Amino acid sequence: MLQRLGAGLSRLSERYVPDAWIICLILTLIVFGLAWAGPGADPLTSARAWGNGVWTLLTLAMQFTLALVAAHACATATPVYRALDWLARLPNPASPRQAVLLVGLFSLLTGWLNWALSLVACALFVPFVLRRNPLADVRVVLAAGYLGLGTVWHGGLSGSAPLILATPGNPLLGTDGAPGVVSRLYPITETLLIPFNLVLICVVGVVGLAVVCLLHPTHGARTVDPDTLNDLLPEPPSFAPPATPAQRLDNFPGWTWLAAALLAYPLGYAIVTQGFGASWTINAYNAVFLAAALLLHGRPTAFLAACRNGTQAAWGIILQFPFYGGIYGVLQHTGLGRWLGELFAGHASTASYPLLVYLYSAAMNLFVPSAGSKWILEAPFLIPAGEALGGSPITTLLAYCYGDSTTNLIQPFFAIPLLAVMRVRFADILGYTAIVAAVCLVINMVAMLFIPRML
């Protein structure tokens, strides 16, 4: 039944779902309509608000771009390339569901560690798996590769909203003597590493993995031509021995060691003196992956070449972030975001508020897929509303995180690197990811009814 349902939804989405950038513009029109119907902002006012927001996410766009480039540089280093090829040989080629299971586990693990690593590493890993497992359906394998972003990532170590609350000087603490949304920092030991979060993301991840494995068709799998896969898997580039003093300087490994040490020392010092929970912030992630990429490549020329290639995986963020920034501007400058939040809060109780925050976050993620920027926008009214109902900021935060993860499975923004490497459209996998999203939605909704009693 699941196979027939997945195949049927896939046919519908392939026929009717447009490109990711077109979806962004459709969402823009929906936001304009909501702003007009809710706060009463006319189209011209909404257009000016869109213009005020279009460039506001450039800092976050740069952070995300850097994270993707650094993760790509790590994943394309020769030792990692060899390891991915070795992993791809583990499944039995005659049992394609083993290939789906392997990619799903890989996505879950890397998604818990880092969202950018998961996107890039899975995009690189999928061609290896398909080459070694020629009977596997490319659509289901890609859906498995996107699993980590839809289940565990925001409850994992790179969760944007929890890291913002753990970062000193974040805007939710208030500035220039003005009161903040929260009165103190919340280290990840109080959010991401608590038992409730760890258990829930494990349950959601395991169930999602089981569903995507069952979705693999028994007959009629869509496979990839071997010649195409060979084109998608070029060997790591080789470099000629340096022939001039300038080339010897360019290839001197000491430069990469120096750069890695400069990145690693301040982070290591902060962890030793302040503790892991207080030091593990957004910037810490970029430092770790840049340092790791430098050490894995060894020579500056290899590192720079890998970073140059990595920018291809980030083109979607570079292009689409300004347009999502425009949506952000409409939500912020027309009062639409506050109106929607108050609409939910006005119909909530202490027991139901986490569930409403979860659903609200899941819906808003379709319009603004930047979890960090959306949290900065929504926390100022979500956290106080939760406290007024007797809930803690941690409860509101985690409900927000789970909702933001679930609808990634039906939002094409972060799937761009994964789709680009196999040259397929999001519509090709949406029929399968939508089923996984529906199952995760049910599990999380049940969990949100219990979270007020447990935190």
Protein backbone atom coordinates (compact mmCIF):
# COMPACT_ATOMS: atom_id res chain seq x y z
CA MET A 1 0.00 0.00 0.00
CA LEU A 2 2.81 2.41 0.89
CA GLN A 3 4.59 1.64 -2.38
CA ARG A 4 1.45 2.37 -4.43
CA LEU A 5 0.73 5.53 -2.44
CA GLY A 6 4.30 6.78 -2.84
CA ALA A 7 4.37 6.07 -6.56
CA GLY A 8 0.98 7.74 -7.06
CA LEU A 9 1.96 10.89 -5.14
CA SER A 10 5.26 10.97 -7.01
CA ARG A 11 3.45 10.98 -10.37
CA LEU A 12 1.20 13.82 -9.23
CA SER A 13 4.07 15.93 -7.87
CA GLU A 14 6.19 15.39 -10.99
CA ARG A 15 3.32 16.66 -13.10
CA TYR A 16 2.13 19.62 -11.03
CA VAL A 17 4.87 20.83 -8.64
CA PRO A 18 7.01 23.64 -10.15
CA ASP A 19 10.65 24.61 -9.58
CA ALA A 20 11.80 25.60 -6.06
CA TRP A 21 12.25 29.26 -7.03
CA ILE A 22 8.72 29.39 -8.45
CA ILE A 23 7.44 27.92 -5.17
CA CYS A 24 9.20 30.77 -3.37
CA LEU A 25 7.32 33.31 -5.48
CA ILE A 26 4.01 31.51 -4.96
CA LEU A 27 4.62 31.64 -1.20
CA THR A 28 5.34 35.37 -1.56
CA LEU A 29 1.89 35.92 -3.08
CA ILE A 30 0.28 33.89 -0.30
CA VAL A 31 2.03 36.01 2.33
CA PHE A 32 0.83 39.19 0.58
CA GLY A 33 -2.72 37.87 0.72
CA LEU A 34 -2.44 36.95 4.41
CA ALA A 35 -1.02 40.38 5.25
CA TRP A 36 -3.95 42.03 3.51
CA ALA A 37 -6.54 39.76 5.18
CA GLY A 38 -4.95 39.86 8.66
CA PRO A 39 -3.23 43.12 9.70
CA GLY A 40 -4.89 44.92 6.77
CA ALA A 41 -1.73 45.82 4.84
CA ASP A 42 -2.61 46.75 1.27
CA PRO A 43 -0.48 45.37 -1.61
CA LEU A 44 1.64 48.51 -1.91
CA THR A 45 2.39 48.55 1.83
CA SER A 46 3.25 44.84 1.64
CA ALA A 47 5.52 45.49 -1.35
CA ARG A 48 7.44 48.15 0.60
CA ALA A 49 7.71 45.76 3.56
CA TRP A 50 9.04 43.11 1.15
CA GLY A 51 11.66 45.59 -0.05
CA ASN A 52 12.67 46.41 3.52
CA GLY A 53 13.28 42.75 4.22
CA VAL A 54 14.88 41.58 0.99
CA TRP A 55 18.46 42.29 2.12
CA THR A 56 18.08 41.63 5.86
CA LEU A 57 19.16 37.97 5.71
CA LEU A 58 22.47 38.55 3.95
CA THR A 59 24.46 37.83 7.14
CA LEU A 60 22.67 34.54 7.64
CA ALA A 61 22.99 33.76 3.95
CA MET A 62 26.75 34.24 4.22
CA GLN A 63 26.91 32.02 7.31
CA PHE A 64 24.92 29.28 5.58
CA THR A 65 26.94 29.63 2.38
CA LEU A 66 30.18 29.34 4.33
CA ALA A 67 28.83 26.31 6.19
CA LEU A 68 27.93 24.57 2.94
CA VAL A 69 31.27 25.39 1.30
CA ALA A 70 33.23 24.18 4.34
CA ALA A 71 31.16 21.00 4.62
CA HIS A 72 31.65 20.36 0.90
CA ALA A 73 35.40 20.80 1.29
CA CYS A 74 35.40 18.24 4.12
CA ALA A 75 33.30 15.72 2.24
CA THR A 76 35.35 15.91 -0.98
CA ALA A 77 38.75 15.38 0.61
CA THR A 78 40.48 12.24 -0.66
CA PRO A 79 40.23 10.28 2.66
CA VAL A 80 36.50 11.01 2.88
CA TYR A 81 35.98 10.16 -0.81
CA ARG A 82 37.56 6.73 -0.25
CA ALA A 83 35.51 6.17 2.90
CA LEU A 84 32.24 6.98 1.10
CA ASP A 85 33.04 4.51 -1.65
CA TRP A 86 33.82 1.83 0.95
CA LEU A 87 30.52 2.50 2.75
CA ALA A 88 28.58 2.27 -0.51
CA ARG A 89 29.81 -1.31 -0.96
CA LEU A 90 28.19 -2.53 2.28
CA PRO A 91 24.60 -3.17 1.05
CA ASN A 92 23.77 -6.27 -0.95
CA PRO A 93 23.25 -5.05 -4.58
CA ALA A 94 20.40 -7.55 -4.97
CA SER A 95 18.51 -5.93 -2.05
CA PRO A 96 17.92 -2.25 -2.87
CA ARG A 97 16.20 -1.56 0.44
CA GLN A 98 19.55 -2.09 2.13
CA ALA A 99 20.87 0.81 0.06
CA VAL A 100 17.94 2.97 1.21
CA LEU A 101 18.60 1.95 4.82
CA LEU A 102 22.28 2.86 4.55
CA VAL A 103 21.60 6.29 3.03
CA GLY A 104 18.88 6.96 5.61
CA LEU A 105 21.17 6.08 8.53
CA PHE A 106 23.91 8.22 7.02
CA SER A 107 21.49 11.14 6.67
CA LEU A 108 20.24 10.80 10.24
CA LEU A 109 23.73 10.68 11.73
CA THR A 110 25.11 13.58 9.72
CA GLY A 111 21.87 15.54 10.21
CA TRP A 112 22.22 15.25 13.98
CA LEU A 113 25.83 16.41 13.77
CA ASN A 114 25.37 19.29 11.33
CA TRP A 115 22.65 20.27 8.85
CA ALA A 116 25.12 21.56 6.23
CA LEU A 117 27.28 18.45 6.47
CA SER A 118 24.17 16.31 6.01
CA LEU A 119 23.10 18.16 2.88
CA VAL A 120 26.52 18.07 1.23
CA ALA A 121 27.69 14.66 2.43
CA CYS A 122 24.42 12.98 1.41
CA ALA A 123 24.55 14.70 -1.97
CA LEU A 124 28.01 13.23 -2.49
CA PHE A 125 27.19 9.84 -0.97
CA VAL A 126 24.07 9.08 -3.03
CA PRO A 127 25.93 8.64 -6.38
CA PHE A 128 28.35 6.20 -4.71
CA VAL A 129 25.44 4.15 -3.35
CA LEU A 130 23.55 4.14 -6.65
CA ARG A 131 26.68 3.07 -8.54
CA ARG A 132 27.24 0.12 -6.20
CA ASN A 133 23.50 -0.72 -5.98
CA PRO A 134 22.12 -0.40 -9.52
CA LEU A 135 18.65 -1.77 -8.63
CA ALA A 136 17.90 1.01 -6.11
CA ASP A 137 15.23 3.59 -6.99
CA VAL A 138 16.90 7.00 -7.27
CA ARG A 139 13.81 8.82 -5.96
CA VAL A 140 13.55 6.79 -2.76
CA VAL A 141 17.31 6.93 -2.17
CA LEU A 142 17.20 10.72 -2.48
CA ALA A 143 14.24 10.84 -0.09
CA ALA A 144 16.30 8.81 2.39
CA GLY A 145 19.17 11.26 1.91
CA TYR A 146 16.86 14.13 2.89
CA LEU A 147 15.59 12.31 5.98
CA GLY A 148 17.97 13.93 8.49
CA LEU A 149 16.80 17.44 7.62
CA GLY A 150 13.18 16.45 8.17
CA THR A 151 13.53 14.52 11.43
CA VAL A 152 16.53 15.11 13.69
CA TRP A 153 18.46 18.20 12.56
CA HIS A 154 16.82 20.91 14.67
CA GLY A 155 17.00 18.70 17.73
CA GLY A 156 20.66 17.96 16.92
CA LEU A 157 23.92 19.72 17.60
CA SER A 158 23.45 22.33 14.85
CA GLY A 159 19.88 23.31 15.76
CA SER A 160 19.72 27.02 14.92
CA ALA A 161 17.19 28.18 17.51
CA PRO A 162 18.83 26.41 20.50
CA LEU A 163 22.26 27.66 19.43
CA ILE A 164 20.94 31.22 19.23
CA LEU A 165 19.72 31.00 22.84
CA ALA A 166 23.14 29.64 23.79
CA THR A 167 25.12 32.36 21.99
CA PRO A 168 26.30 35.36 24.07
CA GLY A 169 25.07 38.68 22.75
CA ASN A 170 22.19 37.21 20.77
CA PRO A 171 19.38 39.71 20.05
CA LEU A 172 16.84 37.88 22.24
CA LEU A 173 18.78 38.96 25.34
CA GLY A 174 18.03 42.63 24.63
CA THR A 175 20.43 45.48 23.84
CA ASP A 176 21.35 48.90 25.24
CA GLY A 177 19.65 48.23 28.53
CA ALA A 178 16.34 47.22 26.92
CA PRO A 179 14.72 44.09 28.37
CA GLY A 180 15.12 40.97 26.29
CA VAL A 181 12.79 38.13 25.40
CA VAL A 182 14.80 35.86 27.71
CA SER A 183 16.67 36.86 30.84
CA ARG A 184 19.64 34.52 30.45
CA LEU A 185 21.46 32.17 28.09
CA TYR A 186 20.23 28.61 27.70
CA PRO A 187 23.19 26.25 27.08
CA ILE A 188 22.54 23.19 24.97
CA THR A 189 22.77 21.01 28.08
CA GLU A 190 19.34 22.45 28.98
CA THR A 191 17.84 22.13 25.50
CA LEU A 192 19.39 19.79 22.94
CA LEU A 193 20.96 17.33 25.36
CA ILE A 194 18.00 16.73 27.69
CA PRO A 195 16.48 13.21 27.69
CA PHE A 196 13.11 14.27 26.23
CA ASN A 197 14.70 15.74 23.12
CA LEU A 198 17.16 12.88 22.62
CA VAL A 199 14.45 10.22 22.95
CA LEU A 200 11.97 12.00 20.68
CA ILE A 201 14.37 12.63 17.80
CA CYS A 202 15.51 8.99 18.02
CA VAL A 203 11.91 7.77 17.77
CA VAL A 204 11.05 10.11 14.90
CA GLY A 205 14.27 9.24 13.08
CA VAL A 206 13.80 5.47 13.39
CA VAL A 207 10.14 5.56 12.33
CA GLY A 208 10.93 7.86 9.39
CA LEU A 209 13.71 5.50 8.32
CA ALA A 210 11.39 2.49 8.47
CA VAL A 211 8.77 4.27 6.36
CA VAL A 212 11.18 5.35 3.64
CA CYS A 213 12.57 1.79 3.42
CA LEU A 214 9.04 0.38 2.99
CA LEU A 215 8.37 2.93 0.24
CA HIS A 216 10.93 1.38 -2.12
CA PRO A 217 8.99 -0.21 -5.02
CA THR A 218 9.24 -3.95 -5.50
CA HIS A 219 8.83 -3.54 -9.26
CA GLY A 220 9.38 -0.65 -11.63
CA ALA A 221 12.17 1.13 -9.77
CA ARG A 222 13.58 4.21 -11.49
CA THR A 223 17.30 3.56 -11.81
CA VAL A 224 20.19 5.63 -13.15
CA ASP A 225 22.34 4.84 -16.17
CA PRO A 226 25.86 3.68 -15.11
CA ASP A 227 27.56 6.09 -17.51
CA THR A 228 25.68 8.99 -15.91
CA LEU A 229 26.83 7.89 -12.46
CA ASN A 230 30.44 7.71 -13.60
CA ASP A 231 30.16 11.31 -14.81
CA LEU A 232 28.80 12.32 -11.39
CA LEU A 233 31.70 10.66 -9.54
CA PRO A 234 34.96 12.17 -10.75
CA GLU A 235 38.07 11.14 -8.87
CA PRO A 236 39.58 13.72 -6.50
CA PRO A 237 41.80 16.01 -8.60
CA SER A 238 45.54 15.36 -8.76
CA PHE A 239 48.03 18.22 -8.71
CA ALA A 240 51.30 18.42 -10.57
CA PRO A 241 54.48 18.86 -8.49
CA PRO A 242 55.30 22.55 -7.97
CA ALA A 243 57.80 23.88 -10.49
CA THR A 244 58.30 27.49 -9.39
CA PRO A 245 58.91 29.22 -6.03
CA ALA A 246 55.37 30.65 -6.18
CA GLN A 247 53.88 27.19 -6.70
CA ARG A 248 55.95 25.81 -3.83
CA LEU A 249 54.56 28.55 -1.60
CA ASP A 250 51.03 27.78 -2.80
CA ASN A 251 51.46 24.10 -1.94
CA PHE A 252 53.26 24.49 1.39
CA PRO A 253 51.17 22.55 3.99
CA GLY A 254 52.25 24.91 6.75
CA TRP A 255 49.69 27.46 5.60
CA THR A 256 46.81 25.06 6.17
CA TRP A 257 48.20 24.05 9.56
CA LEU A 258 48.50 27.69 10.55
CA ALA A 259 44.96 28.53 9.43
CA ALA A 260 43.52 25.44 11.15
CA ALA A 261 45.34 26.29 14.38
CA LEU A 262 44.08 29.87 14.29
CA LEU A 263 40.51 28.60 13.91
CA ALA A 264 40.79 25.80 16.46
CA TYR A 265 42.63 27.49 19.33
CA PRO A 266 40.01 30.13 20.30
CA LEU A 267 37.24 27.53 20.13
CA GLY A 268 39.22 25.00 22.15
CA TYR A 269 40.09 27.65 24.74
CA ALA A 270 36.42 28.64 25.05
CA ILE A 271 35.34 25.01 25.51
CA VAL A 272 37.98 24.41 28.20
CA THR A 273 37.24 27.61 30.12
CA GLN A 274 33.48 27.95 29.61
CA GLY A 275 32.34 24.38 28.95
CA PHE A 276 31.02 22.72 25.83
CA GLY A 277 27.40 23.72 26.32
CA ALA A 278 28.19 27.42 26.63
CA SER A 279 30.74 27.46 23.80
CA TRP A 280 28.92 25.46 21.14
CA THR A 281 27.39 28.25 19.06
CA ILE A 282 26.69 28.88 15.38
CA ASN A 283 30.15 30.32 14.79
CA ALA A 284 31.75 27.31 16.47
CA TYR A 285 30.35 25.06 13.76
CA ASN A 286 31.88 27.03 10.93
CA ALA A 287 35.23 27.08 12.72
CA VAL A 288 35.19 23.29 13.19
CA PHE A 289 34.36 22.49 9.58
CA LEU A 290 36.81 24.99 8.12
CA ALA A 291 39.61 23.63 10.31
CA ALA A 292 38.69 20.04 9.47
CA ALA A 293 38.63 20.80 5.74
CA LEU A 294 42.05 22.46 5.93
CA LEU A 295 43.58 19.46 7.70
CA LEU A 296 41.90 16.87 5.48
CA HIS A 297 43.18 18.48 2.26
CA GLY A 298 46.62 19.29 3.61
CA ARG A 299 47.72 21.63 0.84
CA PRO A 300 46.25 25.10 0.24
CA THR A 301 45.71 24.44 -3.48
CA ALA A 302 43.59 21.34 -2.80
CA PHE A 303 41.60 23.12 -0.09
CA LEU A 304 40.90 26.16 -2.28
CA ALA A 305 39.88 24.00 -5.24
CA ALA A 306 37.42 22.09 -3.03
CA CYS A 307 35.93 25.34 -1.70
CA ARG A 308 35.60 26.68 -5.25
CA ASN A 309 33.66 23.57 -6.26
CA GLY A 310 31.57 23.82 -3.11
CA THR A 311 30.09 27.13 -4.15
CA GLN A 312 28.07 25.24 -6.76
CA ALA A 313 26.13 23.57 -3.95
CA ALA A 314 25.38 26.95 -2.37
CA TRP A 315 23.99 28.74 -5.42
CA GLY A 316 20.39 28.12 -4.34
CA ILE A 317 20.95 29.80 -0.99
CA ILE A 318 22.72 32.74 -2.62
CA LEU A 319 19.89 33.27 -5.12
CA GLN A 320 16.83 32.43 -3.04
CA PHE A 321 17.73 33.95 0.32
CA PRO A 322 16.95 37.54 -0.76
CA PHE A 323 13.48 36.44 -1.87
CA TYR A 324 12.87 34.62 1.41
CA GLY A 325 14.22 37.76 3.09
CA GLY A 326 11.42 39.63 1.35
CA ILE A 327 8.88 37.22 2.84
CA TYR A 328 10.56 37.80 6.20
CA GLY A 329 10.10 41.55 5.68
CA VAL A 330 6.36 41.17 5.05
CA LEU A 331 5.97 39.03 8.17
CA GLN A 332 7.89 41.53 10.27
CA HIS A 333 6.99 44.98 8.92
CA THR A 334 3.28 44.45 8.31
CA GLY A 335 2.67 42.78 11.68
CA LEU A 336 1.62 39.54 9.96
CA GLY A 337 3.98 37.36 11.99
CA ARG A 338 2.77 38.78 15.31
CA TRP A 339 -0.85 38.56 14.19
CA LEU A 340 -0.49 34.89 13.29
CA GLY A 341 1.30 34.12 16.54
CA GLU A 342 -1.29 35.90 18.67
CA LEU A 343 -4.04 34.14 16.74
CA PHE A 344 -2.58 30.79 17.82
CA ALA A 345 -1.82 31.89 21.38
CA GLY A 346 -5.31 33.30 21.84
CA HIS A 347 -6.81 29.84 21.38
CA ALA A 348 -4.30 27.93 23.52
CA SER A 349 -4.08 26.54 27.01
CA THR A 350 -1.04 25.41 28.98
CA ALA A 351 -1.53 21.86 27.69
CA SER A 352 -2.24 22.73 24.06
CA TYR A 353 0.24 25.58 23.56
CA PRO A 354 3.25 23.38 22.57
CA LEU A 355 1.09 21.63 19.97
CA LEU A 356 -0.02 24.96 18.51
CA VAL A 357 3.56 26.23 18.45
CA TYR A 358 4.61 23.05 16.67
CA LEU A 359 1.90 23.45 14.01
CA TYR A 360 2.59 27.17 13.66
CA SER A 361 6.32 26.59 13.24
CA ALA A 362 5.69 23.82 10.71
CA ALA A 363 3.46 26.11 8.64
CA MET A 364 5.78 29.12 8.84
CA ASN A 365 8.74 27.00 7.74
CA LEU A 366 7.10 26.73 4.34
CA PHE A 367 7.34 30.50 3.97
CA VAL A 368 10.69 31.25 5.67
CA PRO A 369 12.91 28.12 5.67
CA SER A 370 15.70 29.91 7.53
CA ALA A 371 15.15 28.48 11.01
CA GLY A 372 17.44 30.96 12.73
CA SER A 373 16.02 34.12 11.21
CA LYS A 374 12.47 32.85 11.72
CA TRP A 375 13.20 32.17 15.40
CA ILE A 376 14.47 35.73 15.87
CA LEU A 377 11.18 36.95 14.38
CA GLU A 378 8.83 34.62 16.26
CA ALA A 379 10.48 34.20 19.68
CA PRO A 380 9.51 37.73 20.86
CA PHE A 381 5.83 36.73 20.90
CA LEU A 382 5.98 32.94 21.22
CA ILE A 383 8.08 32.80 24.41
CA PRO A 384 6.12 35.46 26.37
CA ALA A 385 2.81 33.88 25.33
CA GLY A 386 4.05 30.51 26.56
CA GLU A 387 5.24 31.97 29.87
CA ALA A 388 1.89 33.68 30.36
CA LEU A 389 0.29 30.25 30.09
CA GLY A 390 2.74 28.77 32.61
CA GLY A 391 5.10 27.15 30.11
CA SER A 392 8.89 27.41 30.05
CA PRO A 393 10.98 28.94 27.24
CA ILE A 394 12.55 25.50 26.72
CA THR A 395 9.16 23.93 25.98
CA THR A 396 8.34 26.63 23.44
CA LEU A 397 11.80 26.35 21.91
CA LEU A 398 11.65 22.59 21.40
CA ALA A 399 8.12 22.69 20.00
CA TYR A 400 9.33 25.28 17.52
CA CYS A 401 12.33 23.11 16.57
CA TYR A 402 10.29 19.98 15.87
CA GLY A 403 7.78 21.85 13.71
CA ASP A 404 10.55 23.51 11.74
CA SER A 405 12.09 20.10 10.96
CA THR A 406 8.95 18.28 9.85
CA THR A 407 7.98 20.48 6.92
CA ASN A 408 11.51 20.52 5.53
CA LEU A 409 10.40 17.24 3.97
CA ILE A 410 7.87 19.09 1.79
CA GLN A 411 9.87 22.33 1.36
CA PRO A 412 12.41 22.29 -1.49
CA PHE A 413 14.78 24.98 -0.24
CA PHE A 414 17.38 22.86 1.55
CA ALA A 415 17.06 19.93 -0.85
CA ILE A 416 18.73 21.92 -3.62
CA PRO A 417 22.29 20.49 -3.18
CA LEU A 418 20.96 16.93 -2.93
CA LEU A 419 18.79 17.32 -6.03
CA ALA A 420 21.39 19.19 -8.06
CA VAL A 421 23.98 16.44 -7.85
CA MET A 422 21.57 13.88 -9.36
CA ARG A 423 19.98 16.44 -11.70
CA VAL A 424 16.41 15.77 -10.61
CA ARG A 425 13.57 18.04 -9.50
CA PHE A 426 12.07 18.24 -6.02
CA ALA A 427 8.80 17.05 -7.52
CA ASP A 428 10.46 13.71 -8.26
CA ILE A 429 10.86 12.90 -4.56
CA LEU A 430 7.99 14.88 -3.01
CA GLY A 431 5.56 11.99 -3.25
CA TYR A 432 7.81 9.94 -0.97
CA THR A 433 8.96 12.65 1.44
CA ALA A 434 5.35 13.80 1.94
CA ILE A 435 4.41 10.38 3.33
CA VAL A 436 7.35 10.44 5.73
CA ALA A 437 6.37 13.98 6.77
CA ALA A 438 2.80 12.86 7.50
CA VAL A 439 4.01 10.05 9.78
CA CYS A 440 6.45 12.36 11.59
CA LEU A 441 3.67 14.92 12.00
CA VAL A 442 1.50 12.44 13.86
CA ILE A 443 4.33 11.31 16.18
CA ASN A 444 5.35 14.86 17.02
CA MET A 445 1.78 16.01 17.62
CA VAL A 446 1.33 13.23 20.18
CA ALA A 447 4.66 14.15 21.80
CA MET A 448 3.61 17.81 22.05
CA LEU A 449 0.63 16.78 24.18
CA PHE A 450 3.02 15.18 26.69
CA ILE A 451 5.82 17.74 26.73
CA PRO A 452 4.15 20.13 29.27
CA ARG A 453 4.10 17.31 31.84
CA MET A 454 7.75 16.37 31.26
CA LEU A 455 9.56 19.72 31.14
